């Protein structure tokens, strides 16, 4: 499962192209199963408030974070929300995706997803 937040539509676009089970983060969404988080970066590198609240409730089930951003804002802030989430919740940073991403991004996300959830089913 991918739990995602999309502000401009880029994350939603990528999630739709991935064709994996997904749920959009809403105020009251609570998950009782493992998931990957896919989020955007707010401002100049902040974690979006609704994502922070979602992780406060569901972070124990998160198996990795994917973050979308715009590299035109500079390397220091590109996908910085993913770095912050990874550090604060001790979650692996899977991928930083520039805008709508590239085929390599989609492949890497699919590979991590399959690896992550294959291990989850075995363990």
C-alpha atoms as a PDB file:
ATOM      1  CA  UNK A   1       0.000   0.000   0.000  1.00  0.00           C
ATOM      2  CA  UNK A   2       1.145   3.523  -0.750  1.00  0.00           C
ATOM      3  CA  UNK A   3      -0.216   6.349   1.393  1.00  0.00           C
ATOM      4  CA  UNK A   4       0.259   9.630  -0.421  1.00  0.00           C
ATOM      5  CA  UNK A   5      -0.249  13.367  -0.216  1.00  0.00           C
ATOM      6  CA  UNK A   6      -0.326  15.501  -3.349  1.00  0.00           C
ATOM      7  CA  UNK A   7      -0.641  19.266  -3.549  1.00  0.00           C
ATOM      8  CA  UNK A   8       0.110  20.086  -7.198  1.00  0.00           C
ATOM      9  CA  UNK A   9      -0.929  16.739  -8.658  1.00  0.00           C
ATOM     10  CA  UNK A  10       2.586  15.439  -9.341  1.00  0.00           C
ATOM     11  CA  UNK A  11       2.510  12.812  -6.590  1.00  0.00           C
ATOM     12  CA  UNK A  12      -1.021  11.714  -7.559  1.00  0.00           C
ATOM     13  CA  UNK A  13       0.122  11.408 -11.189  1.00  0.00           C
ATOM     14  CA  UNK A  14       3.080   9.202 -10.209  1.00  0.00           C
ATOM     15  CA  UNK A  15       0.996   7.038  -7.882  1.00  0.00           C
ATOM     16  CA  UNK A  16      -1.534   6.472 -10.663  1.00  0.00           C
ATOM     17  CA  UNK A  17       1.241   5.490 -13.072  1.00  0.00           C
ATOM     18  CA  UNK A  18       2.735   3.058 -10.542  1.00  0.00           C
ATOM     19  CA  UNK A  19      -0.536   1.099 -10.491  1.00  0.00           C
ATOM     20  CA  UNK A  20       0.004  -0.088  -6.913  1.00  0.00           C
ATOM     21  CA  UNK A  21      -2.593  -0.146  -4.121  1.00  0.00           C
ATOM     22  CA  UNK A  22      -2.835   3.393  -2.758  1.00  0.00           C
ATOM     23  CA  UNK A  23      -4.788   5.654  -0.432  1.00  0.00           C
ATOM     24  CA  UNK A  24      -4.695   9.446  -0.340  1.00  0.00           C
ATOM     25  CA  UNK A  25      -3.922  10.941   3.051  1.00  0.00           C
ATOM     26  CA  UNK A  26      -6.949  12.659   4.581  1.00  0.00           C
ATOM     27  CA  UNK A  27      -7.383  14.073   8.073  1.00  0.00           C
ATOM     28  CA  UNK A  28      -8.888  10.908   9.539  1.00  0.00           C
ATOM     29  CA  UNK A  29      -7.012   8.174   7.649  1.00  0.00           C
ATOM     30  CA  UNK A  30      -5.621   5.502   9.952  1.00  0.00           C
ATOM     31  CA  UNK A  31      -3.819   2.477   8.553  1.00  0.00           C
ATOM     32  CA  UNK A  32      -3.317  -0.792  10.365  1.00  0.00           C
ATOM     33  CA  UNK A  33      -1.112  -2.304   7.669  1.00  0.00           C
ATOM     34  CA  UNK A  34       2.398  -1.597   6.364  1.00  0.00           C
ATOM     35  CA  UNK A  35       2.708   1.131   3.738  1.00  0.00           C
ATOM     36  CA  UNK A  36       5.131   3.343   1.853  1.00  0.00           C
ATOM     37  CA  UNK A  37       4.658   7.068   2.263  1.00  0.00           C
ATOM     38  CA  UNK A  38       4.813   9.307  -0.818  1.00  0.00           C
ATOM     39  CA  UNK A  39       4.718  13.025  -0.121  1.00  0.00           C
ATOM     40  CA  UNK A  40       5.642  16.402  -1.501  1.00  0.00           C
ATOM     41  CA  UNK A  41       7.927  18.939   0.144  1.00  0.00           C
ATOM     42  CA  UNK A  42       6.309  22.075   1.544  1.00  0.00           C
ATOM     43  CA  UNK A  43       7.889  25.523   1.382  1.00  0.00           C
ATOM     44  CA  UNK A  44      11.654  25.318   1.419  1.00  0.00           C
ATOM     45  CA  UNK A  45      11.931  21.808   2.788  1.00  0.00           C
ATOM     46  CA  UNK A  46       9.221  21.422   5.412  1.00  0.00           C
ATOM     47  CA  UNK A  47       7.090  18.362   6.053  1.00  0.00           C
ATOM     48  CA  UNK A  48       3.476  19.115   5.079  1.00  0.00           C
ATOM     49  CA  UNK A  49       1.322  19.459   8.203  1.00  0.00           C
ATOM     50  CA  UNK A  50      -1.202  16.792   7.145  1.00  0.00           C
ATOM     51  CA  UNK A  51       1.657  14.353   6.504  1.00  0.00           C
ATOM     52  CA  UNK A  52       3.148  15.069   9.934  1.00  0.00           C
ATOM     53  CA  UNK A  53      -0.244  14.435  11.579  1.00  0.00           C
ATOM     54  CA  UNK A  54      -0.708  11.256   9.528  1.00  0.00           C
ATOM     55  CA  UNK A  55       2.710   9.954  10.602  1.00  0.00           C
ATOM     56  CA  UNK A  56       2.009  10.769  14.242  1.00  0.00           C
ATOM     57  CA  UNK A  57      -0.925   8.332  13.998  1.00  0.00           C
ATOM     58  CA  UNK A  58       0.477   5.808  11.525  1.00  0.00           C
ATOM     59  CA  UNK A  59       4.262   6.094  11.510  1.00  0.00           C
ATOM     60  CA  UNK A  60       4.811   2.698  13.130  1.00  0.00           C
ATOM     61  CA  UNK A  61       3.515   1.015   9.969  1.00  0.00           C
ATOM     62  CA  UNK A  62       5.588   3.058   7.511  1.00  0.00           C
ATOM     63  CA  UNK A  63       8.278   1.071   5.661  1.00  0.00           C
ATOM     64  CA  UNK A  64       9.816   3.880   3.627  1.00  0.00           C
ATOM     65  CA  UNK A  65       9.346   7.400   2.314  1.00  0.00           C
ATOM     66  CA  UNK A  66       9.357   8.685  -1.248  1.00  0.00           C
ATOM     67  CA  UNK A  67       9.374  12.439  -1.731  1.00  0.00           C
ATOM     68  CA  UNK A  68       8.604  14.660  -4.688  1.00  0.00           C
ATOM     69  CA  UNK A  69      10.149  18.053  -5.165  1.00  0.00           C
ATOM     70  CA  UNK A  70      11.519  20.526  -7.646  1.00  0.00           C
ATOM     71  CA  UNK A  71      15.291  20.499  -8.086  1.00  0.00           C
ATOM     72  CA  UNK A  72      15.140  24.076  -9.409  1.00  0.00           C
ATOM     73  CA  UNK A  73      14.914  25.246  -5.778  1.00  0.00           C
ATOM     74  CA  UNK A  74      18.429  23.921  -5.174  1.00  0.00           C
ATOM     75  CA  UNK A  75      20.053  20.810  -3.804  1.00  0.00           C
ATOM     76  CA  UNK A  76      19.807  22.005  -0.191  1.00  0.00           C
ATOM     77  CA  UNK A  77      15.995  21.957  -0.184  1.00  0.00           C
ATOM     78  CA  UNK A  78      15.172  19.413  -2.910  1.00  0.00           C
ATOM     79  CA  UNK A  79      13.045  16.706  -1.289  1.00  0.00           C
ATOM     80  CA  UNK A  80      14.150  17.854   2.160  1.00  0.00           C
ATOM     81  CA  UNK A  81      10.833  16.737   3.688  1.00  0.00           C
ATOM     82  CA  UNK A  82      11.875  13.167   2.885  1.00  0.00           C
ATOM     83  CA  UNK A  83      15.165  13.645   4.736  1.00  0.00           C
ATOM     84  CA  UNK A  84      13.351  15.081   7.755  1.00  0.00           C
ATOM     85  CA  UNK A  85      10.748  12.276   7.808  1.00  0.00           C
ATOM     86  CA  UNK A  86      13.437   9.631   7.463  1.00  0.00           C
ATOM     87  CA  UNK A  87      15.392  11.061  10.360  1.00  0.00           C
ATOM     88  CA  UNK A  88      12.501  11.899  12.693  1.00  0.00           C
ATOM     89  CA  UNK A  89      10.565   8.633  12.281  1.00  0.00           C
ATOM     90  CA  UNK A  90      13.587   6.399  11.534  1.00  0.00           C
ATOM     91  CA  UNK A  91      12.139   5.422   8.134  1.00  0.00           C
ATOM     92  CA  UNK A  92      14.295   4.601   5.098  1.00  0.00           C
ATOM     93  CA  UNK A  93      14.378   7.274   2.389  1.00  0.00           C
ATOM     94  CA  UNK A  94      13.497   5.326  -0.759  1.00  0.00           C
ATOM     95  CA  UNK A  95      13.671   7.994  -3.459  1.00  0.00           C
ATOM     96  CA  UNK A  96      13.639  11.705  -4.202  1.00  0.00           C
ATOM     97  CA  UNK A  97      11.633  12.362  -7.352  1.00  0.00           C
ATOM     98  CA  UNK A  98      11.991  15.535  -9.385  1.00  0.00           C
ATOM     99  CA  UNK A  99       8.554  16.826 -10.408  1.00  0.00           C
ATOM    100  CA  UNK A 100       6.757  13.896 -12.148  1.00  0.00           C
ATOM    101  CA  UNK A 101       9.866  11.755 -12.204  1.00  0.00           C
ATOM    102  CA  UNK A 102      11.535   9.583 -14.801  1.00  0.00           C
ATOM    103  CA  UNK A 103      11.339   5.910 -15.727  1.00  0.00           C
ATOM    104  CA  UNK A 104      14.286   5.157 -13.411  1.00  0.00           C
ATOM    105  CA  UNK A 105      12.285   6.580 -10.491  1.00  0.00           C
ATOM    106  CA  UNK A 106       9.269   4.407 -11.286  1.00  0.00           C
ATOM    107  CA  UNK A 107      11.466   1.306 -11.577  1.00  0.00           C
ATOM    108  CA  UNK A 108      13.273   2.023  -8.295  1.00  0.00           C
ATOM    109  CA  UNK A 109       9.992   2.555  -6.452  1.00  0.00           C
ATOM    110  CA  UNK A 110       8.545  -0.678  -7.859  1.00  0.00           C
ATOM    111  CA  UNK A 111      11.670  -2.605  -6.868  1.00  0.00           C
ATOM    112  CA  UNK A 112      11.629  -1.260  -3.323  1.00  0.00           C
ATOM    113  CA  UNK A 113       7.900  -1.889  -3.006  1.00  0.00           C
ATOM    114  CA  UNK A 114       8.240  -5.520  -4.124  1.00  0.00           C
ATOM    115  CA  UNK A 115      11.251  -6.111  -1.885  1.00  0.00           C
ATOM    116  CA  UNK A 116       9.658  -4.417   1.096  1.00  0.00           C
ATOM    117  CA  UNK A 117       6.367  -6.223   0.951  1.00  0.00           C
ATOM    118  CA  UNK A 118       7.796  -9.585  -0.042  1.00  0.00           C
ATOM    119  CA  UNK A 119       9.878  -9.468   3.159  1.00  0.00           C
ATOM    120  CA  UNK A 120       6.812  -8.321   5.112  1.00  0.00           C
ATOM    121  CA  UNK A 121       4.848 -11.373   3.967  1.00  0.00           C
ATOM    122  CA  UNK A 122       7.693 -13.790   4.744  1.00  0.00           C
ATOM    123  CA  UNK A 123       8.491 -12.240   8.139  1.00  0.00           C
END
